[in-house]
Amino acid sequence: MEKKIVATNAAPAAIGPYSQAVIVGDLLITSGQIPIDPATGAFPEGIEAQTRQSLNNVKAILAEAGITMKNVVKTTVFLSDMNNFAAMNGVYATFFEEGSYPARSAVEAARLPKDALVEIEVIAHL
């Protein structure tokens, strides 16, 4: 099966040997998106703002592939502190249609890249 690389300047560039996303068959799989603002290279403050930025980065990658958050079928959320779950969840819910949420896993990680509070990856159907 052929693999297509997805890349956009509207989301942060990869900070290592990986792609922002790949398309294989009818699936788009993103790398984990940390809350880097692609315009400034900075992190916003707090879990709500970082969750919003991470998901905006995901949206930008999906848009580059011609799809939207409605196409997301699975997410994985990595948190630096599970005590931030409720605050993350409140922002996260606004990015998806109620009653049509994707499957999700949420886990606490000992440490995230650049000491982010959250990192989010998705699988979307084209």
PDB file of N, CA and C in Angstrom:
ATOM      1  N   MET A   1       0.844  -1.181   0.000  1.00  0.00           N
ATOM      2  CA  MET A   1       0.000   0.000   0.000  1.00  0.00           C
ATOM      3  C   MET A   1       0.886   1.239   0.000  1.00  0.00           C
ATOM      4  N   GLU A   2       0.528   2.205  -0.804  1.00  0.00           N
ATOM      5  CA  GLU A   2       1.310   3.432  -0.916  1.00  0.00           C
ATOM      6  C   GLU A   2       1.054   4.358   0.268  1.00  0.00           C
ATOM      7  N   LYS A   3       2.103   5.035   0.702  1.00  0.00           N
ATOM      8  CA  LYS A   3       2.025   5.990   1.810  1.00  0.00           C
ATOM      9  C   LYS A   3       2.236   7.391   1.263  1.00  0.00           C
ATOM     10  N   LYS A   4       1.341   8.327   1.652  1.00  0.00           N
ATOM     11  CA  LYS A   4       1.468   9.727   1.243  1.00  0.00           C
ATOM     12  C   LYS A   4       1.736  10.571   2.484  1.00  0.00           C
ATOM     13  N   ILE A   5       2.696  11.466   2.392  1.00  0.00           N
ATOM     14  CA  ILE A   5       3.041  12.354   3.508  1.00  0.00           C
ATOM     15  C   ILE A   5       2.179  13.610   3.433  1.00  0.00           C
ATOM     16  N   VAL A   6       1.658  14.034   4.594  1.00  0.00           N
ATOM     17  CA  VAL A   6       0.884  15.267   4.691  1.00  0.00           C
ATOM     18  C   VAL A   6       1.712  16.260   5.507  1.00  0.00           C
ATOM     19  N   ALA A   7       1.877  17.464   4.959  1.00  0.00           N
ATOM     20  CA  ALA A   7       2.632  18.501   5.668  1.00  0.00           C
ATOM     21  C   ALA A   7       2.012  19.862   5.371  1.00  0.00           C
ATOM     22  N   THR A   8       1.970  20.709   6.395  1.00  0.00           N
ATOM     23  CA  THR A   8       1.433  22.056   6.244  1.00  0.00           C
ATOM     24  C   THR A   8       2.210  23.025   7.125  1.00  0.00           C
ATOM     25  N   ASN A   9       2.345  24.252   6.658  1.00  0.00           N
ATOM     26  CA  ASN A   9       2.963  25.304   7.468  1.00  0.00           C
ATOM     27  C   ASN A   9       2.000  25.853   8.509  1.00  0.00           C
ATOM     28  N   ALA A  10       0.716  25.456   8.428  1.00  0.00           N
ATOM     29  CA  ALA A  10      -0.298  25.923   9.381  1.00  0.00           C
ATOM     30  C   ALA A  10      -0.248  25.155  10.698  1.00  0.00           C
ATOM     31  N   ALA A  11       0.623  24.158  10.777  1.00  0.00           N
ATOM     32  CA  ALA A  11       0.866  23.407  12.014  1.00  0.00           C
ATOM     33  C   ALA A  11       2.379  23.382  12.218  1.00  0.00           C
ATOM     34  N   PRO A  12       2.827  23.141  13.451  1.00  0.00           N
ATOM     35  CA  PRO A  12       4.268  23.139  13.705  1.00  0.00           C
ATOM     36  C   PRO A  12       4.990  22.085  12.869  1.00  0.00           C
ATOM     37  N   ALA A  13       6.162  22.435  12.391  1.00  0.00           N
ATOM     38  CA  ALA A  13       6.993  21.479  11.670  1.00  0.00           C
ATOM     39  C   ALA A  13       7.425  20.369  12.620  1.00  0.00           C
ATOM     40  N   ALA A  14       7.678  19.212  12.069  1.00  0.00           N
ATOM     41  CA  ALA A  14       8.176  18.095  12.879  1.00  0.00           C
ATOM     42  C   ALA A  14       9.495  18.499  13.532  1.00  0.00           C
ATOM     43  N   ILE A  15       9.678  18.111  14.786  1.00  0.00           N
ATOM     44  CA  ILE A  15      10.911  18.446  15.504  1.00  0.00           C
ATOM     45  C   ILE A  15      11.823  17.228  15.610  1.00  0.00           C
ATOM     46  N   GLY A  16      11.600  16.276  14.726  1.00  0.00           N
ATOM     47  CA  GLY A  16      12.402  15.056  14.702  1.00  0.00           C
ATOM     48  C   GLY A  16      12.179  14.336  13.389  1.00  0.00           C
ATOM     49  N   PRO A  17      12.662  13.107  13.285  1.00  0.00           N
ATOM     50  CA  PRO A  17      12.536  12.347  12.044  1.00  0.00           C
ATOM     51  C   PRO A  17      11.157  11.682  11.916  1.00  0.00           C
ATOM     52  N   TYR A  18      10.135  12.513  11.747  1.00  0.00           N
ATOM     53  CA  TYR A  18       8.766  12.017  11.556  1.00  0.00           C
ATOM     54  C   TYR A  18       7.989  13.012  10.715  1.00  0.00           C
ATOM     55  N   SER A  19       6.830  12.596  10.254  1.00  0.00           N
ATOM     56  CA  SER A  19       5.954  13.442   9.439  1.00  0.00           C
ATOM     57  C   SER A  19       4.809  13.950  10.290  1.00  0.00           C
ATOM     58  N   GLN A  20       4.232  15.090   9.913  1.00  0.00           N
ATOM     59  CA  GLN A  20       3.049  15.587  10.615  1.00  0.00           C
ATOM     60  C   GLN A  20       1.926  14.556  10.529  1.00  0.00           C
ATOM     61  N   ALA A  21       1.784  13.946   9.353  1.00  0.00           N
ATOM     62  CA  ALA A  21       0.764  12.908   9.174  1.00  0.00           C
ATOM     63  C   ALA A  21       1.107  12.088   7.942  1.00  0.00           C
ATOM     64  N   VAL A  22       0.547  10.901   7.896  1.00  0.00           N
ATOM     65  CA  VAL A  22       0.650  10.049   6.719  1.00  0.00           C
ATOM     66  C   VAL A  22      -0.743   9.555   6.355  1.00  0.00           C
ATOM     67  N   ILE A  23      -0.929   9.350   5.063  1.00  0.00           N
ATOM     68  CA  ILE A  23      -2.160   8.730   4.570  1.00  0.00           C
ATOM     69  C   ILE A  23      -1.783   7.360   4.032  1.00  0.00           C
ATOM     70  N   VAL A  24      -2.488   6.357   4.507  1.00  0.00           N
ATOM     71  CA  VAL A  24      -2.335   4.996   4.025  1.00  0.00           C
ATOM     72  C   VAL A  24      -3.736   4.475   3.762  1.00  0.00           C
ATOM     73  N   GLY A  25      -4.002   4.088   2.522  1.00  0.00           N
ATOM     74  CA  GLY A  25      -5.352   3.646   2.180  1.00  0.00           C
ATOM     75  C   GLY A  25      -6.324   4.790   2.405  1.00  0.00           C
ATOM     76  N   ASP A  26      -7.369   4.516   3.182  1.00  0.00           N
ATOM     77  CA  ASP A  26      -8.373   5.549   3.455  1.00  0.00           C
ATOM     78  C   ASP A  26      -8.251   6.122   4.861  1.00  0.00           C
ATOM     79  N   LEU A  27      -7.049   5.999   5.457  1.00  0.00           N
ATOM     80  CA  LEU A  27      -6.810   6.536   6.801  1.00  0.00           C
ATOM     81  C   LEU A  27      -5.716   7.596   6.787  1.00  0.00           C
ATOM     82  N   LEU A  28      -5.929   8.637   7.563  1.00  0.00           N
ATOM     83  CA  LEU A  28      -4.908   9.634   7.847  1.00  0.00           C
ATOM     84  C   LEU A  28      -4.532   9.464   9.308  1.00  0.00           C
ATOM     85  N   ILE A  29      -3.244   9.356   9.577  1.00  0.00           N
ATOM     86  CA  ILE A  29      -2.742   9.158  10.938  1.00  0.00           C
ATOM     87  C   ILE A  29      -1.783  10.295  11.242  1.00  0.00           C
ATOM     88  N   THR A  30      -2.092  11.081  12.269  1.00  0.00           N
ATOM     89  CA  THR A  30      -1.203  12.190  12.620  1.00  0.00           C
ATOM     90  C   THR A  30      -0.176  11.737  13.643  1.00  0.00           C
ATOM     91  N   SER A  31       0.919  12.452  13.661  1.00  0.00           N
ATOM     92  CA  SER A  31       1.848  12.350  14.773  1.00  0.00           C
ATOM     93  C   SER A  31       1.239  13.137  15.923  1.00  0.00           C
ATOM     94  N   GLY A  32       1.733  12.916  17.119  1.00  0.00           N
ATOM     95  CA  GLY A  32       1.251  13.679  18.262  1.00  0.00           C
ATOM     96  C   GLY A  32       1.500  15.158  18.064  1.00  0.00           C
ATOM     97  N   GLN A  33       0.483  15.951  18.345  1.00  0.00           N
ATOM     98  CA  GLN A  33       0.588  17.409  18.193  1.00  0.00           C
ATOM     99  C   GLN A  33       0.677  18.056  19.568  1.00  0.00           C
ATOM    100  N   ILE A  34       1.824  18.680  19.811  1.00  0.00           N
ATOM    101  CA  ILE A  34       1.969  19.447  21.042  1.00  0.00           C
ATOM    102  C   ILE A  34       1.524  20.877  20.753  1.00  0.00           C
ATOM    103  N   PRO A  35       1.324  21.674  21.788  1.00  0.00           N
ATOM    104  CA  PRO A  35       0.691  22.990  21.606  1.00  0.00           C
ATOM    105  C   PRO A  35       1.608  24.117  21.146  1.00  0.00           C
ATOM    106  N   ILE A  36       2.431  23.846  20.153  1.00  0.00           N
ATOM    107  CA  ILE A  36       3.274  24.906  19.601  1.00  0.00           C
ATOM    108  C   ILE A  36       2.435  25.750  18.651  1.00  0.00           C
ATOM    109  N   ASP A  37       2.439  27.052  18.856  1.00  0.00           N
ATOM    110  CA  ASP A  37       1.799  27.966  17.925  1.00  0.00           C
ATOM    111  C   ASP A  37       2.718  28.075  16.720  1.00  0.00           C
ATOM    112  N   PRO A  38       2.267  27.643  15.517  1.00  0.00           N
ATOM    113  CA  PRO A  38       3.168  27.654  14.366  1.00  0.00           C
ATOM    114  C   PRO A  38       3.620  29.061  13.956  1.00  0.00           C
ATOM    115  N   ALA A  39       2.878  30.072  14.338  1.00  0.00           N
ATOM    116  CA  ALA A  39       3.242  31.452  13.979  1.00  0.00           C
ATOM    117  C   ALA A  39       4.359  31.990  14.862  1.00  0.00           C
ATOM    118  N   THR A  40       4.378  31.575  16.134  1.00  0.00           N
ATOM    119  CA  THR A  40       5.343  32.139  17.086  1.00  0.00           C
ATOM    120  C   THR A  40       6.374  31.131  17.588  1.00  0.00           C
ATOM    121  N   GLY A  41       6.060  29.846  17.490  1.00  0.00           N
ATOM    122  CA  GLY A  41       6.937  28.816  18.034  1.00  0.00           C
ATOM    123  C   GLY A  41       6.818  28.657  19.539  1.00  0.00           C
ATOM    124  N   ALA A  42       5.865  29.388  20.147  1.00  0.00           N
ATOM    125  CA  ALA A  42       5.700  29.373  21.606  1.00  0.00           C
ATOM    126  C   ALA A  42       4.505  28.523  22.028  1.00  0.00           C
ATOM    127  N   PHE A  43       4.501  28.145  23.299  1.00  0.00           N
ATOM    128  CA  PHE A  43       3.369  27.462  23.917  1.00  0.00           C
ATOM    129  C   PHE A  43       2.459  28.501  24.561  1.00  0.00           C
ATOM    130  N   PRO A  44       1.135  28.325  24.469  1.00  0.00           N
ATOM    131  CA  PRO A  44       0.253  29.144  25.299  1.00  0.00           C
ATOM    132  C   PRO A  44       0.331  28.648  26.745  1.00  0.00           C
ATOM    133  N   GLU A  45      -0.182  29.449  27.661  1.00  0.00           N
ATOM    134  CA  GLU A  45      -0.167  29.099  29.085  1.00  0.00           C
ATOM    135  C   GLU A  45      -1.401  28.306  29.473  1.00  0.00           C
ATOM    136  N   GLY A  46      -1.234  27.272  30.282  1.00  0.00           N
ATOM    137  CA  GLY A  46      -2.353  26.542  30.874  1.00  0.00           C
ATOM    138  C   GLY A  46      -2.875  25.408  30.009  1.00  0.00           C
ATOM    139  N   ILE A  47      -3.512  24.464  30.670  1.00  0.00           N
ATOM    140  CA  ILE A  47      -3.982  23.258  29.996  1.00  0.00           C
ATOM    141  C   ILE A  47      -5.083  23.543  28.971  1.00  0.00           C
ATOM    142  N   GLU A  48      -5.997  24.462  29.270  1.00  0.00           N
ATOM    143  CA  GLU A  48      -7.069  24.753  28.308  1.00  0.00           C
ATOM    144  C   GLU A  48      -6.498  25.318  27.014  1.00  0.00           C
ATOM    145  N   ALA A  49      -5.636  26.308  27.125  1.00  0.00           N
ATOM    146  CA  ALA A  49      -5.046  26.935  25.940  1.00  0.00           C
ATOM    147  C   ALA A  49      -4.145  25.955  25.193  1.00  0.00           C
ATOM    148  N   GLN A  50      -3.422  25.116  25.924  1.00  0.00           N
ATOM    149  CA  GLN A  50      -2.559  24.135  25.269  1.00  0.00           C
ATOM    150  C   GLN A  50      -3.386  23.066  24.552  1.00  0.00           C
ATOM    151  N   THR A  51      -4.498  22.652  25.142  1.00  0.00           N
ATOM    152  CA  THR A  51      -5.376  21.685  24.482  1.00  0.00           C
ATOM    153  C   THR A  51      -5.939  22.298  23.202  1.00  0.00           C
ATOM    154  N   ARG A  52      -6.402  23.528  23.279  1.00  0.00           N
ATOM    155  CA  ARG A  52      -6.952  24.227  22.114  1.00  0.00           C
ATOM    156  C   ARG A  52      -5.913  24.327  21.001  1.00  0.00           C
ATOM    157  N   GLN A  53      -4.673  24.693  21.346  1.00  0.00           N
ATOM    158  CA  GLN A  53      -3.630  24.824  20.335  1.00  0.00           C
ATOM    159  C   GLN A  53      -3.280  23.474  19.718  1.00  0.00           C
ATOM    160  N   SER A  54      -3.179  22.439  20.537  1.00  0.00           N
ATOM    161  CA  SER A  54      -2.884  21.101  20.005  1.00  0.00           C
ATOM    162  C   SER A  54      -3.957  20.669  19.021  1.00  0.00           C
ATOM    163  N   LEU A  55      -5.222  20.899  19.374  1.00  0.00           N
ATOM    164  CA  LEU A  55      -6.321  20.503  18.478  1.00  0.00           C
ATOM    165  C   LEU A  55      -6.403  21.408  17.255  1.00  0.00           C
ATOM    166  N   ASN A  56      -6.052  22.673  17.381  1.00  0.00           N
ATOM    167  CA  ASN A  56      -5.986  23.539  16.192  1.00  0.00           C
ATOM    168  C   ASN A  56      -4.880  23.062  15.250  1.00  0.00           C
ATOM    169  N   ASN A  57      -3.785  22.564  15.800  1.00  0.00           N
ATOM    170  CA  ASN A  57      -2.723  22.002  14.969  1.00  0.00           C
ATOM    171  C   ASN A  57      -3.229  20.757  14.235  1.00  0.00           C
ATOM    172  N   VAL A  58      -3.983  19.910  14.935  1.00  0.00           N
ATOM    173  CA  VAL A  58      -4.582  18.736  14.299  1.00  0.00           C
ATOM    174  C   VAL A  58      -5.509  19.188  13.167  1.00  0.00           C
ATOM    175  N   LYS A  59      -6.373  20.169  13.457  1.00  0.00           N
ATOM    176  CA  LYS A  59      -7.314  20.671  12.433  1.00  0.00           C
ATOM    177  C   LYS A  59      -6.583  21.155  11.188  1.00  0.00           C
ATOM    178  N   ALA A  60      -5.458  21.837  11.370  1.00  0.00           N
ATOM    179  CA  ALA A  60      -4.691  22.351  10.230  1.00  0.00           C
ATOM    180  C   ALA A  60      -4.145  21.213   9.370  1.00  0.00           C
ATOM    181  N   ILE A  61      -3.692  20.160  10.008  1.00  0.00           N
ATOM    182  CA  ILE A  61      -3.186  18.996   9.268  1.00  0.00           C
ATOM    183  C   ILE A  61      -4.321  18.317   8.511  1.00  0.00           C
ATOM    184  N   LEU A  62      -5.459  18.151   9.170  1.00  0.00           N
ATOM    185  CA  LEU A  62      -6.615  17.543   8.509  1.00  0.00           C
ATOM    186  C   LEU A  62      -7.048  18.397   7.320  1.00  0.00           C
ATOM    187  N   ALA A  63      -7.067  19.715   7.494  1.00  0.00           N
ATOM    188  CA  ALA A  63      -7.472  20.622   6.412  1.00  0.00           C
ATOM    189  C   ALA A  63      -6.547  20.479   5.207  1.00  0.00           C
ATOM    190  N   GLU A  64      -5.260  20.313   5.467  1.00  0.00           N
ATOM    191  CA  GLU A  64      -4.296  20.122   4.378  1.00  0.00           C
ATOM    192  C   GLU A  64      -4.641  18.883   3.549  1.00  0.00           C
ATOM    193  N   ALA A  65      -5.228  17.877   4.213  1.00  0.00           N
ATOM    194  CA  ALA A  65      -5.632  16.640   3.530  1.00  0.00           C
ATOM    195  C   ALA A  65      -7.060  16.737   2.985  1.00  0.00           C
ATOM    196  N   GLY A  66      -7.730  17.886   3.215  1.00  0.00           N
ATOM    197  CA  GLY A  66      -9.072  18.088   2.684  1.00  0.00           C
ATOM    198  C   GLY A  66     -10.188  17.492   3.527  1.00  0.00           C
ATOM    199  N   ILE A  67      -9.907  17.281   4.819  1.00  0.00           N
ATOM    200  CA  ILE A  67     -10.931  16.724   5.710  1.00  0.00           C
ATOM    201  C   ILE A  67     -11.063  17.594   6.955  1.00  0.00           C
ATOM    202  N   THR A  68     -12.012  17.239   7.826  1.00  0.00           N
ATOM    203  CA  THR A  68     -12.271  18.019   9.035  1.00  0.00           C
ATOM    204  C   THR A  68     -12.271  17.106  10.266  1.00  0.00           C
ATOM    205  N   MET A  69     -12.520  17.712  11.402  1.00  0.00           N
ATOM    206  CA  MET A  69     -12.598  16.947  12.649  1.00  0.00           C
ATOM    207  C   MET A  69     -13.723  15.913  12.605  1.00  0.00           C
ATOM    208  N   LYS A  70     -14.707  16.118  11.739  1.00  0.00           N
ATOM    209  CA  LYS A  70     -15.792  15.133  11.602  1.00  0.00           C
ATOM    210  C   LYS A  70     -15.275  13.789  11.097  1.00  0.00           C
ATOM    211  N   ASN A  71     -14.109  13.792  10.455  1.00  0.00           N
ATOM    212  CA  ASN A  71     -13.529  12.565   9.921  1.00  0.00           C
ATOM    213  C   ASN A  71     -12.729  11.783  10.958  1.00  0.00           C
ATOM    214  N   VAL A  72     -12.484  12.375  12.126  1.00  0.00           N
ATOM    215  CA  VAL A  72     -11.663  11.725  13.155  1.00  0.00           C
ATOM    216  C   VAL A  72     -12.440  10.557  13.770  1.00  0.00           C
ATOM    217  N   VAL A  73     -11.795   9.385  13.775  1.00  0.00           N
ATOM    218  CA  VAL A  73     -12.434   8.195  14.344  1.00  0.00           C
ATOM    219  C   VAL A  73     -11.792   7.758  15.656  1.00  0.00           C
ATOM    220  N   LYS A  74     -10.542   8.199  15.919  1.00  0.00           N
ATOM    221  CA  LYS A  74      -9.847   7.798  17.147  1.00  0.00           C
ATOM    222  C   LYS A  74      -8.867   8.878  17.539  1.00  0.00           C
ATOM    223  N   THR A  75      -8.811   9.191  18.818  1.00  0.00           N
ATOM    224  CA  THR A  75      -7.810  10.116  19.338  1.00  0.00           C
ATOM    225  C   THR A  75      -7.068   9.457  20.497  1.00  0.00           C
ATOM    226  N   THR A  76      -5.855   9.892  20.683  1.00  0.00           N
ATOM    227  CA  THR A  76      -5.098   9.536  21.881  1.00  0.00           C
ATOM    228  C   THR A  76      -4.602  10.843  22.475  1.00  0.00           C
ATOM    229  N   VAL A  77      -4.904  11.041  23.744  1.00  0.00           N
ATOM    230  CA  VAL A  77      -4.518  12.256  24.462  1.00  0.00           C
ATOM    231  C   VAL A  77      -3.497  11.859  25.523  1.00  0.00           C
ATOM    232  N   PHE A  78      -2.352  12.491  25.482  1.00  0.00           N
ATOM    233  CA  PHE A  78      -1.306  12.290  26.478  1.00  0.00           C
ATOM    234  C   PHE A  78      -1.285  13.527  27.365  1.00  0.00           C
ATOM    235  N   LEU A  79      -1.373  13.328  28.662  1.00  0.00           N
ATOM    236  CA  LEU A  79      -1.362  14.423  29.629  1.00  0.00           C
ATOM    237  C   LEU A  79      -0.140  14.301  30.530  1.00  0.00           C
ATOM    238  N   SER A  80       0.476  15.423  30.847  1.00  0.00           N
ATOM    239  CA  SER A  80       1.599  15.391  31.776  1.00  0.00           C
ATOM    240  C   SER A  80       1.114  15.195  33.211  1.00  0.00           C
ATOM    241  N   ASP A  81      -0.167  15.472  33.448  1.00  0.00           N
ATOM    242  CA  ASP A  81      -0.762  15.343  34.780  1.00  0.00           C
ATOM    243  C   ASP A  81      -2.241  15.006  34.619  1.00  0.00           C
ATOM    244  N   MET A  82      -2.644  13.839  35.062  1.00  0.00           N
ATOM    245  CA  MET A  82      -4.038  13.412  34.913  1.00  0.00           C
ATOM    246  C   MET A  82      -4.996  14.329  35.677  1.00  0.00           C
ATOM    247  N   ASN A  83      -4.481  15.134  36.605  1.00  0.00           N
ATOM    248  CA  ASN A  83      -5.332  16.112  37.280  1.00  0.00           C
ATOM    249  C   ASN A  83      -5.854  17.174  36.306  1.00  0.00           C
ATOM    250  N   ASN A  84      -5.260  17.274  35.128  1.00  0.00           N
ATOM    251  CA  ASN A  84      -5.713  18.214  34.099  1.00  0.00           C
ATOM    252  C   ASN A  84      -6.787  17.620  33.186  1.00  0.00           C
ATOM    253  N   PHE A  85      -7.208  16.390  33.460  1.00  0.00           N
ATOM    254  CA  PHE A  85      -8.141  15.701  32.568  1.00  0.00           C
ATOM    255  C   PHE A  85      -9.441  16.481  32.369  1.00  0.00           C
ATOM    256  N   ALA A  86     -10.077  16.919  33.439  1.00  0.00           N
ATOM    257  CA  ALA A  86     -11.375  17.595  33.317  1.00  0.00           C
ATOM    258  C   ALA A  86     -11.252  18.889  32.504  1.00  0.00           C
ATOM    259  N   ALA A  87     -10.223  19.669  32.760  1.00  0.00           N
ATOM    260  CA  ALA A  87     -10.037  20.920  32.022  1.00  0.00           C
ATOM    261  C   ALA A  87      -9.750  20.644  30.548  1.00  0.00           C
ATOM    262  N   MET A  88      -8.900  19.640  30.262  1.00  0.00           N
ATOM    263  CA  MET A  88      -8.632  19.252  28.879  1.00  0.00           C
ATOM    264  C   MET A  88      -9.922  18.801  28.216  1.00  0.00           C
ATOM    265  N   ASN A  89     -10.686  17.981  28.917  1.00  0.00           N
ATOM    266  CA  ASN A  89     -11.907  17.392  28.372  1.00  0.00           C
ATOM    267  C   ASN A  89     -12.929  18.462  27.988  1.00  0.00           C
ATOM    268  N   GLY A  90     -13.017  19.527  28.770  1.00  0.00           N
ATOM    269  CA  GLY A  90     -13.959  20.606  28.477  1.00  0.00           C
ATOM    270  C   GLY A  90     -13.648  21.275  27.142  1.00  0.00           C
ATOM    271  N   VAL A  91     -12.374  21.538  26.877  1.00  0.00           N
ATOM    272  CA  VAL A  91     -11.967  22.138  25.608  1.00  0.00           C
ATOM    273  C   VAL A  91     -12.094  21.120  24.485  1.00  0.00           C
ATOM    274  N   TYR A  92     -11.632  19.908  24.721  1.00  0.00           N
ATOM    275  CA  TYR A  92     -11.666  18.831  23.724  1.00  0.00           C
ATOM    276  C   TYR A  92     -13.078  18.644  23.168  1.00  0.00           C
ATOM    277  N   ALA A  93     -14.057  18.641  24.042  1.00  0.00           N
ATOM    278  CA  ALA A  93     -15.453  18.403  23.627  1.00  0.00           C
ATOM    279  C   ALA A  93     -15.937  19.428  22.611  1.00  0.00           C
ATOM    280  N   THR A  94     -15.403  20.648  22.647  1.00  0.00           N
ATOM    281  CA  THR A  94     -15.865  21.699  21.731  1.00  0.00           C
ATOM    282  C   THR A  94     -15.377  21.486  20.297  1.00  0.00           C
ATOM    283  N   PHE A  95     -14.444  20.585  20.090  1.00  0.00           N
ATOM    284  CA  PHE A  95     -13.902  20.338  18.757  1.00  0.00           C
ATOM    285  C   PHE A  95     -14.650  19.246  17.997  1.00  0.00           C
ATOM    286  N   PHE A  96     -15.603  18.592  18.667  1.00  0.00           N
ATOM    287  CA  PHE A  96     -16.328  17.482  18.052  1.00  0.00           C
ATOM    288  C   PHE A  96     -17.825  17.656  18.247  1.00  0.00           C
ATOM    289  N   GLU A  97     -18.602  17.059  17.341  1.00  0.00           N
ATOM    290  CA  GLU A  97     -20.062  17.131  17.454  1.00  0.00           C
ATOM    291  C   GLU A  97     -20.548  16.177  18.531  1.00  0.00           C
ATOM    292  N   GLU A  98     -21.394  16.694  19.420  1.00  0.00           N
ATOM    293  CA  GLU A  98     -21.976  15.848  20.455  1.00  0.00           C
ATOM    294  C   GLU A  98     -22.746  14.716  19.796  1.00  0.00           C
ATOM    295  N   GLY A  99     -22.579  13.514  20.334  1.00  0.00           N
ATOM    296  CA  GLY A  99     -23.250  12.345  19.781  1.00  0.00           C
ATOM    297  C   GLY A  99     -22.462  11.686  18.662  1.00  0.00           C
ATOM    298  N   SER A 100     -21.355  12.313  18.252  1.00  0.00           N
ATOM    299  CA  SER A 100     -20.534  11.770  17.169  1.00  0.00           C
ATOM    300  C   SER A 100     -19.053  11.838  17.549  1.00  0.00           C
ATOM    301  N   TYR A 101     -18.778  11.685  18.842  1.00  0.00           N
ATOM    302  CA  TYR A 101     -17.397  11.763  19.317  1.00  0.00           C
ATOM    303  C   TYR A 101     -16.588  10.571  18.802  1.00  0.00           C
ATOM    304  N   PRO A 102     -15.297  10.794  18.530  1.00  0.00           N
ATOM    305  CA  PRO A 102     -14.452   9.656  18.149  1.00  0.00           C
ATOM    306  C   PRO A 102     -14.134   8.789  19.365  1.00  0.00           C
ATOM    307  N   ALA A 103     -13.645   7.589  19.109  1.00  0.00           N
ATOM    308  CA  ALA A 103     -13.109   6.770  20.197  1.00  0.00           C
ATOM    309  C   ALA A 103     -11.886   7.505  20.746  1.00  0.00           C
ATOM    310  N   ARG A 104     -11.563   7.290  22.020  1.00  0.00           N
ATOM    311  CA  ARG A 104     -10.443   8.019  22.614  1.00  0.00           C
ATOM    312  C   ARG A 104      -9.783   7.222  23.715  1.00  0.00           C
ATOM    313  N   SER A 105      -8.485   7.383  23.817  1.00  0.00           N
ATOM    314  CA  SER A 105      -7.711   6.948  24.974  1.00  0.00           C
ATOM    315  C   SER A 105      -7.072   8.194  25.555  1.00  0.00           C
ATOM    316  N   ALA A 106      -6.947   8.253  26.868  1.00  0.00           N
ATOM    317  CA  ALA A 106      -6.263   9.363  27.529  1.00  0.00           C
ATOM    318  C   ALA A 106      -5.367   8.768  28.610  1.00  0.00           C
ATOM    319  N   VAL A 107      -4.101   9.123  28.549  1.00  0.00           N
ATOM    320  CA  VAL A 107      -3.140   8.564  29.492  1.00  0.00           C
ATOM    321  C   VAL A 107      -2.228   9.658  30.027  1.00  0.00           C
ATOM    322  N   GLU A 108      -1.704   9.427  31.227  1.00  0.00           N
ATOM    323  CA  GLU A 108      -0.704  10.322  31.780  1.00  0.00           C
ATOM    324  C   GLU A 108       0.668   9.825  31.356  1.00  0.00           C
ATOM    325  N   ALA A 109       1.487  10.732  30.879  1.00  0.00           N
ATOM    326  CA  ALA A 109       2.855  10.408  30.475  1.00  0.00           C
ATOM    327  C   ALA A 109       3.815  11.077  31.445  1.00  0.00           C
ATOM    328  N   ALA A 110       4.912  10.424  31.741  1.00  0.00           N
ATOM    329  CA  ALA A 110       5.872  10.982  32.688  1.00  0.00           C
ATOM    330  C   ALA A 110       6.389  12.339  32.230  1.00  0.00           C
ATOM    331  N   ARG A 111       6.596  12.475  30.916  1.00  0.00           N
ATOM    332  CA  ARG A 111       7.076  13.748  30.382  1.00  0.00           C
ATOM    333  C   ARG A 111       6.755  13.804  28.899  1.00  0.00           C
ATOM    334  N   LEU A 112       6.336  14.971  28.426  1.00  0.00           N
ATOM    335  CA  LEU A 112       6.002  15.174  27.024  1.00  0.00           C
ATOM    336  C   LEU A 112       7.067  16.051  26.368  1.00  0.00           C
ATOM    337  N   PRO A 113       7.177  16.003  25.026  1.00  0.00           N
ATOM    338  CA  PRO A 113       8.177  16.827  24.349  1.00  0.00           C
ATOM    339  C   PRO A 113       8.063  18.301  24.744  1.00  0.00           C
ATOM    340  N   LYS A 114       9.215  18.925  24.940  1.00  0.00           N
ATOM    341  CA  LYS A 114       9.306  20.346  25.300  1.00  0.00           C
ATOM    342  C   LYS A 114       8.507  20.685  26.562  1.00  0.00           C
ATOM    343  N   ASP A 115       8.252  19.664  27.398  1.00  0.00           N
ATOM    344  CA  ASP A 115       7.508  19.813  28.650  1.00  0.00           C
ATOM    345  C   ASP A 115       6.084  20.337  28.441  1.00  0.00           C
ATOM    346  N   ALA A 116       5.475  19.965  27.323  1.00  0.00           N
ATOM    347  CA  ALA A 116       4.073  20.317  27.073  1.00  0.00           C
ATOM    348  C   ALA A 116       3.190  19.691  28.140  1.00  0.00           C
ATOM    349  N   LEU A 117       2.030  20.288  28.349  1.00  0.00           N
ATOM    350  CA  LEU A 117       1.047  19.731  29.280  1.00  0.00           C
ATOM    351  C   LEU A 117       0.170  18.685  28.597  1.00  0.00           C
ATOM    352  N   VAL A 118       0.086  18.743  27.251  1.00  0.00           N
ATOM    353  CA  VAL A 118      -0.786  17.842  26.502  1.00  0.00           C
ATOM    354  C   VAL A 118      -0.186  17.586  25.122  1.00  0.00           C
ATOM    355  N   GLU A 119      -0.445  16.390  24.604  1.00  0.00           N
ATOM    356  CA  GLU A 119      -0.106  16.022  23.236  1.00  0.00           C
ATOM    357  C   GLU A 119      -1.266  15.184  22.712  1.00  0.00           C
ATOM    358  N   ILE A 120      -1.682  15.441  21.476  1.00  0.00           N
ATOM    359  CA  ILE A 120      -2.859  14.753  20.933  1.00  0.00           C
ATOM    360  C   ILE A 120      -2.543  14.238  19.533  1.00  0.00           C
ATOM    361  N   GLU A 121      -2.867  12.966  19.308  1.00  0.00           N
ATOM    362  CA  GLU A 121      -2.745  12.363  17.977  1.00  0.00           C
ATOM    363  C   GLU A 121      -4.098  11.822  17.566  1.00  0.00           C
ATOM    364  N   VAL A 122      -4.336  11.753  16.241  1.00  0.00           N
ATOM    365  CA  VAL A 122      -5.626  11.268  15.765  1.00  0.00           C
ATOM    366  C   VAL A 122      -5.465  10.332  14.588  1.00  0.00           C
ATOM    367  N   ILE A 123      -6.499   9.537  14.395  1.00  0.00           N
ATOM    368  CA  ILE A 123      -6.671   8.728  13.190  1.00  0.00           C
ATOM    369  C   ILE A 123      -7.983   9.195  12.585  1.00  0.00           C
ATOM    370  N   ALA A 124      -7.957   9.522  11.290  1.00  0.00           N
ATOM    371  CA  ALA A 124      -9.147  10.021  10.608  1.00  0.00           C
ATOM    372  C   ALA A 124      -9.399   9.187   9.354  1.00  0.00           C
ATOM    373  N   HIS A 125     -10.662   9.078   8.999  1.00  0.00           N
ATOM    374  CA  HIS A 125     -11.081   8.367   7.793  1.00  0.00           C
ATOM    375  C   HIS A 125     -11.271   9.383   6.674  1.00  0.00           C
ATOM    376  N   LEU A 126     -10.689   9.115   5.522  1.00  0.00           N
ATOM    377  CA  LEU A 126     -10.792  10.031   4.396  1.00  0.00           C
ATOM    378  C   LEU A 126     -12.159   9.946   3.739  1.00  0.00           C
TER     379      LEU A 126
END
